[in-house]
């Protein structure tokens, strides 16, 4: 092959390579950005889940306290009823 033909083949190869590589590089760049956004969103979601778990734990403790208070109120009601019976007799 002559030098002129080799130059044309090289130029065509270079153009084809540029047409393939440049859009591929753009796609890789965009994909990398999307992965970082997902990673950031995942970190935010993990923090939100952790705060919700803490709130559930607090609510569980509050529920136990409320149940204990309700039991105390019931005990006080029965005691007051007994005292009322003694006083009215």
N, C-alpha and C. Protein backbone atom coordinates (compact mmCIF):
# COMPACT_ATOMS: atom_id res chain seq x y z
N UNK A 1 0.83 -1.17 0.00
CA UNK A 1 0.00 0.00 0.00
C UNK A 1 0.88 1.24 0.00
N UNK A 2 0.35 2.23 -0.64
CA UNK A 2 1.14 3.45 -0.72
C UNK A 2 0.93 4.30 0.53
N UNK A 3 1.81 5.25 0.66
CA UNK A 3 1.74 6.12 1.83
C UNK A 3 0.45 6.94 1.82
N UNK A 4 -0.03 7.32 0.66
CA UNK A 4 -1.26 8.12 0.55
C UNK A 4 -2.47 7.31 1.03
N UNK A 5 -2.52 6.04 0.68
CA UNK A 5 -3.62 5.17 1.11
C UNK A 5 -3.55 4.94 2.62
N UNK A 6 -2.35 4.74 3.13
CA UNK A 6 -2.17 4.52 4.58
C UNK A 6 -2.61 5.76 5.37
N UNK A 7 -2.29 6.94 4.84
CA UNK A 7 -2.72 8.17 5.51
C UNK A 7 -4.23 8.28 5.55
N UNK A 8 -4.90 7.94 4.44
CA UNK A 8 -6.37 8.00 4.39
C UNK A 8 -6.99 6.97 5.35
N UNK A 9 -6.41 5.79 5.39
CA UNK A 9 -6.91 4.76 6.31
C UNK A 9 -6.75 5.23 7.75
N UNK A 10 -5.58 5.81 8.05
CA UNK A 10 -5.35 6.32 9.40
C UNK A 10 -6.33 7.43 9.76
N UNK A 11 -6.60 8.34 8.82
CA UNK A 11 -7.53 9.43 9.06
C UNK A 11 -8.94 8.89 9.29
N UNK A 12 -9.37 7.91 8.50
CA UNK A 12 -10.70 7.32 8.69
C UNK A 12 -10.76 6.62 10.04
N UNK A 13 -9.71 5.87 10.39
CA UNK A 13 -9.67 5.20 11.68
C UNK A 13 -9.75 6.21 12.83
N UNK A 14 -9.02 7.31 12.70
CA UNK A 14 -9.02 8.35 13.73
C UNK A 14 -10.41 8.98 13.88
N UNK A 15 -11.07 9.26 12.76
CA UNK A 15 -12.42 9.85 12.81
C UNK A 15 -13.40 8.87 13.44
N UNK A 16 -13.35 7.61 13.03
CA UNK A 16 -14.26 6.61 13.60
C UNK A 16 -13.99 6.45 15.09
N UNK A 17 -12.75 6.40 15.47
CA UNK A 17 -12.39 6.28 16.88
C UNK A 17 -12.90 7.49 17.66
N UNK A 18 -12.78 8.69 17.12
CA UNK A 18 -13.28 9.90 17.76
C UNK A 18 -14.79 9.89 17.89
N UNK A 19 -15.47 9.38 16.86
CA UNK A 19 -16.93 9.32 16.90
C UNK A 19 -17.40 8.33 17.96
N UNK A 20 -16.64 7.29 18.21
CA UNK A 20 -17.02 6.29 19.19
C UNK A 20 -16.58 6.69 20.60
N UNK A 21 -15.35 7.16 20.75
CA UNK A 21 -14.77 7.39 22.08
C UNK A 21 -15.36 8.62 22.76
N UNK A 22 -15.55 9.72 22.04
CA UNK A 22 -16.03 10.95 22.67
C UNK A 22 -17.42 10.77 23.27
N UNK A 23 -18.41 10.22 22.53
CA UNK A 23 -19.71 10.00 23.17
C UNK A 23 -19.63 8.98 24.31
N UNK A 24 -18.78 7.98 24.16
CA UNK A 24 -18.62 7.00 25.23
C UNK A 24 -18.04 7.65 26.48
N UNK A 25 -17.10 8.56 26.31
CA UNK A 25 -16.53 9.27 27.46
C UNK A 25 -17.60 10.12 28.13
N UNK A 26 -18.45 10.76 27.35
CA UNK A 26 -19.55 11.54 27.91
C UNK A 26 -20.52 10.66 28.68
N UNK A 27 -20.82 9.49 28.14
CA UNK A 27 -21.74 8.56 28.82
C UNK A 27 -21.13 8.09 30.14
N UNK A 28 -19.83 7.78 30.13
CA UNK A 28 -19.15 7.34 31.36
C UNK A 28 -19.18 8.47 32.39
N UNK A 29 -18.93 9.70 31.95
CA UNK A 29 -18.95 10.85 32.86
C UNK A 29 -20.33 11.00 33.50
N UNK A 30 -21.39 10.96 32.69
CA UNK A 30 -22.76 11.10 33.21
C UNK A 30 -23.11 9.96 34.16
N UNK A 31 -22.70 8.76 33.81
CA UNK A 31 -22.97 7.61 34.67
C UNK A 31 -22.25 7.77 36.01
N UNK A 32 -21.03 8.25 35.98
CA UNK A 32 -20.27 8.48 37.21
C UNK A 32 -20.96 9.52 38.09
N UNK A 33 -21.46 10.58 37.50
CA UNK A 33 -22.19 11.61 38.25
C UNK A 33 -23.45 11.02 38.87
N UNK A 34 -24.18 10.21 38.10
CA UNK A 34 -25.41 9.60 38.63
C UNK A 34 -25.10 8.66 39.80
N UNK A 35 -24.01 7.92 39.70
CA UNK A 35 -23.63 7.01 40.79
C UNK A 35 -23.32 7.81 42.05
N UNK A 36 -22.63 8.93 41.91
CA UNK A 36 -22.34 9.77 43.08
C UNK A 36 -23.62 10.34 43.68
N UNK A 37 -24.57 10.74 42.84
CA UNK A 37 -25.84 11.26 43.35
C UNK A 37 -26.60 10.16 44.12
N UNK A 38 -26.60 8.96 43.58
CA UNK A 38 -27.27 7.84 44.26
C UNK A 38 -26.59 7.56 45.59
N UNK A 39 -25.26 7.61 45.61
CA UNK A 39 -24.51 7.38 46.84
C UNK A 39 -24.86 8.44 47.88
N UNK A 40 -24.95 9.70 47.45
CA UNK A 40 -25.33 10.77 48.37
C UNK A 40 -26.75 10.56 48.88
N UNK A 41 -27.67 10.19 47.99
CA UNK A 41 -29.05 9.94 48.39
C UNK A 41 -29.12 8.78 49.38
N UNK A 42 -28.30 7.76 49.15
CA UNK A 42 -28.27 6.61 50.05
C UNK A 42 -27.77 7.02 51.44
N UNK A 43 -26.76 7.88 51.47
CA UNK A 43 -26.27 8.37 52.76
C UNK A 43 -27.35 9.15 53.50
N UNK A 44 -28.09 10.00 52.77
CA UNK A 44 -29.18 10.75 53.39
C UNK A 44 -30.27 9.80 53.88
N UNK A 45 -30.56 8.78 53.08
CA UNK A 45 -31.60 7.82 53.48
C UNK A 45 -31.18 7.06 54.73
N UNK A 46 -29.91 6.70 54.83
CA UNK A 46 -29.43 5.99 56.01
C UNK A 46 -29.56 6.86 57.26
N UNK A 47 -29.25 8.16 57.12
CA UNK A 47 -29.40 9.07 58.26
C UNK A 47 -30.86 9.20 58.66
N UNK A 48 -31.75 9.27 57.67
CA UNK A 48 -33.18 9.38 57.96
C UNK A 48 -33.68 8.12 58.65
N UNK A 49 -33.25 6.97 58.18
CA UNK A 49 -33.67 5.70 58.79
C UNK A 49 -33.16 5.62 60.22
N UNK A 50 -31.93 6.06 60.44
CA UNK A 50 -31.37 6.03 61.80
C UNK A 50 -32.17 6.94 62.74
N UNK A 51 -32.54 8.13 62.26
CA UNK A 51 -33.32 9.03 63.13
C UNK A 51 -34.71 8.45 63.38
N UNK A 52 -35.30 7.80 62.38
CA UNK A 52 -36.61 7.18 62.58
C UNK A 52 -36.52 6.02 63.58
N UNK A 53 -35.45 5.24 63.50
CA UNK A 53 -35.27 4.15 64.46
C UNK A 53 -35.15 4.71 65.88
N UNK A 54 -34.43 5.82 66.03
CA UNK A 54 -34.31 6.44 67.35
C UNK A 54 -35.66 6.92 67.84
N UNK A 55 -36.47 7.49 66.95
CA UNK A 55 -37.80 7.95 67.35
C UNK A 55 -38.69 6.79 67.76
N UNK A 56 -38.56 5.66 67.06
CA UNK A 56 -39.34 4.47 67.41
C UNK A 56 -38.93 3.97 68.79
N UNK A 57 -37.62 3.98 69.06
CA UNK A 57 -37.15 3.56 70.38
C UNK A 57 -37.69 4.48 71.47
N UNK A 58 -37.67 5.79 71.20
CA UNK A 58 -38.22 6.75 72.16
C UNK A 58 -39.71 6.53 72.35
N UNK A 59 -40.40 6.28 71.24
CA UNK A 59 -41.85 6.05 71.31
C UNK A 59 -42.14 4.78 72.10
N UNK A 60 -41.30 3.76 71.92
CA UNK A 60 -41.48 2.52 72.67
C UNK A 60 -41.32 2.78 74.17
N UNK A 61 -40.32 3.57 74.52
CA UNK A 61 -40.13 3.93 75.93
C UNK A 61 -41.29 4.74 76.45
N UNK A 62 -41.78 5.66 75.62
CA UNK A 62 -42.94 6.47 76.02
C UNK A 62 -44.18 5.60 76.18
N UNK A 63 -44.35 4.63 75.31
CA UNK A 63 -45.49 3.72 75.40
C UNK A 63 -45.45 2.95 76.72
N UNK A 64 -44.28 2.46 77.07
CA UNK A 64 -44.14 1.73 78.33
C UNK A 64 -44.45 2.65 79.51
N UNK A 65 -44.01 3.90 79.43
CA UNK A 65 -44.29 4.85 80.51
C UNK A 65 -45.79 5.12 80.61
N UNK A 66 -46.44 5.26 79.45
CA UNK A 66 -47.89 5.51 79.44
C UNK A 66 -48.64 4.32 80.04
N UNK A 67 -48.23 3.11 79.69
CA UNK A 67 -48.88 1.92 80.24
C UNK A 67 -48.69 1.88 81.76
N UNK A 68 -47.49 2.21 82.21
CA UNK A 68 -47.23 2.23 83.65
C UNK A 68 -48.09 3.28 84.34
N UNK A 69 -48.22 4.45 83.73
CA UNK A 69 -49.06 5.51 84.31
C UNK A 69 -50.52 5.07 84.34
N UNK A 70 -50.98 4.42 83.27
CA UNK A 70 -52.37 3.93 83.25
C UNK A 70 -52.61 2.92 84.37
N UNK A 71 -51.65 2.04 84.60
CA UNK A 71 -51.79 1.06 85.69
C UNK A 71 -51.84 1.78 87.03
N UNK A 72 -51.00 2.80 87.19
CA UNK A 72 -51.02 3.57 88.44
C UNK A 72 -52.37 4.27 88.63
N UNK A 73 -52.91 4.81 87.56
CA UNK A 73 -54.22 5.49 87.64
C UNK A 73 -55.31 4.50 88.02
N UNK A 74 -55.28 3.31 87.42
CA UNK A 74 -56.27 2.29 87.77
C UNK A 74 -56.15 1.89 89.25
N UNK A 75 -54.92 1.74 89.72
CA UNK A 75 -54.71 1.41 91.13
C UNK A 75 -55.25 2.52 92.02
N UNK A 76 -54.97 3.78 91.63
CA UNK A 76 -55.47 4.90 92.43
C UNK A 76 -57.00 4.96 92.41
N UNK A 77 -57.63 4.64 91.28
CA UNK A 77 -59.10 4.62 91.19
C UNK A 77 -59.67 3.57 92.15
N UNK A 78 -59.09 2.37 92.13
CA UNK A 78 -59.61 1.32 93.03
C UNK A 78 -59.40 1.69 94.49
N UNK A 79 -58.27 2.31 94.78
CA UNK A 79 -58.01 2.74 96.16
C UNK A 79 -59.01 3.82 96.57
N UNK A 80 -59.27 4.78 95.69
CA UNK A 80 -60.25 5.83 95.99
C UNK A 80 -61.66 5.26 96.15
N UNK A 81 -61.99 4.26 95.36
CA UNK A 81 -63.31 3.62 95.48
C UNK A 81 -63.44 2.94 96.85
N UNK A 82 -62.37 2.26 97.27
CA UNK A 82 -62.40 1.62 98.59
C UNK A 82 -62.54 2.66 99.70
N UNK A 83 -61.80 3.75 99.59
CA UNK A 83 -61.89 4.82 100.59
C UNK A 83 -63.29 5.41 100.59
N UNK A 84 -63.85 5.61 99.41
CA UNK A 84 -65.21 6.17 99.31
C UNK A 84 -66.21 5.24 99.96
N UNK A 85 -66.05 3.94 99.76
CA UNK A 85 -66.96 2.98 100.39
C UNK A 85 -66.86 3.03 101.92
N UNK A 86 -65.63 3.13 102.41
CA UNK A 86 -65.45 3.20 103.87
C UNK A 86 -66.07 4.48 104.45
N UNK A 87 -65.92 5.58 103.72
CA UNK A 87 -66.43 6.85 104.22
C UNK A 87 -67.95 6.87 104.18
N UNK A 88 -68.55 6.31 103.16
CA UNK A 88 -70.00 6.36 103.03
C UNK A 88 -70.70 5.33 103.91
N UNK A 89 -70.01 4.38 104.43
CA UNK A 89 -70.68 3.37 105.27
C UNK A 89 -70.86 3.83 106.66
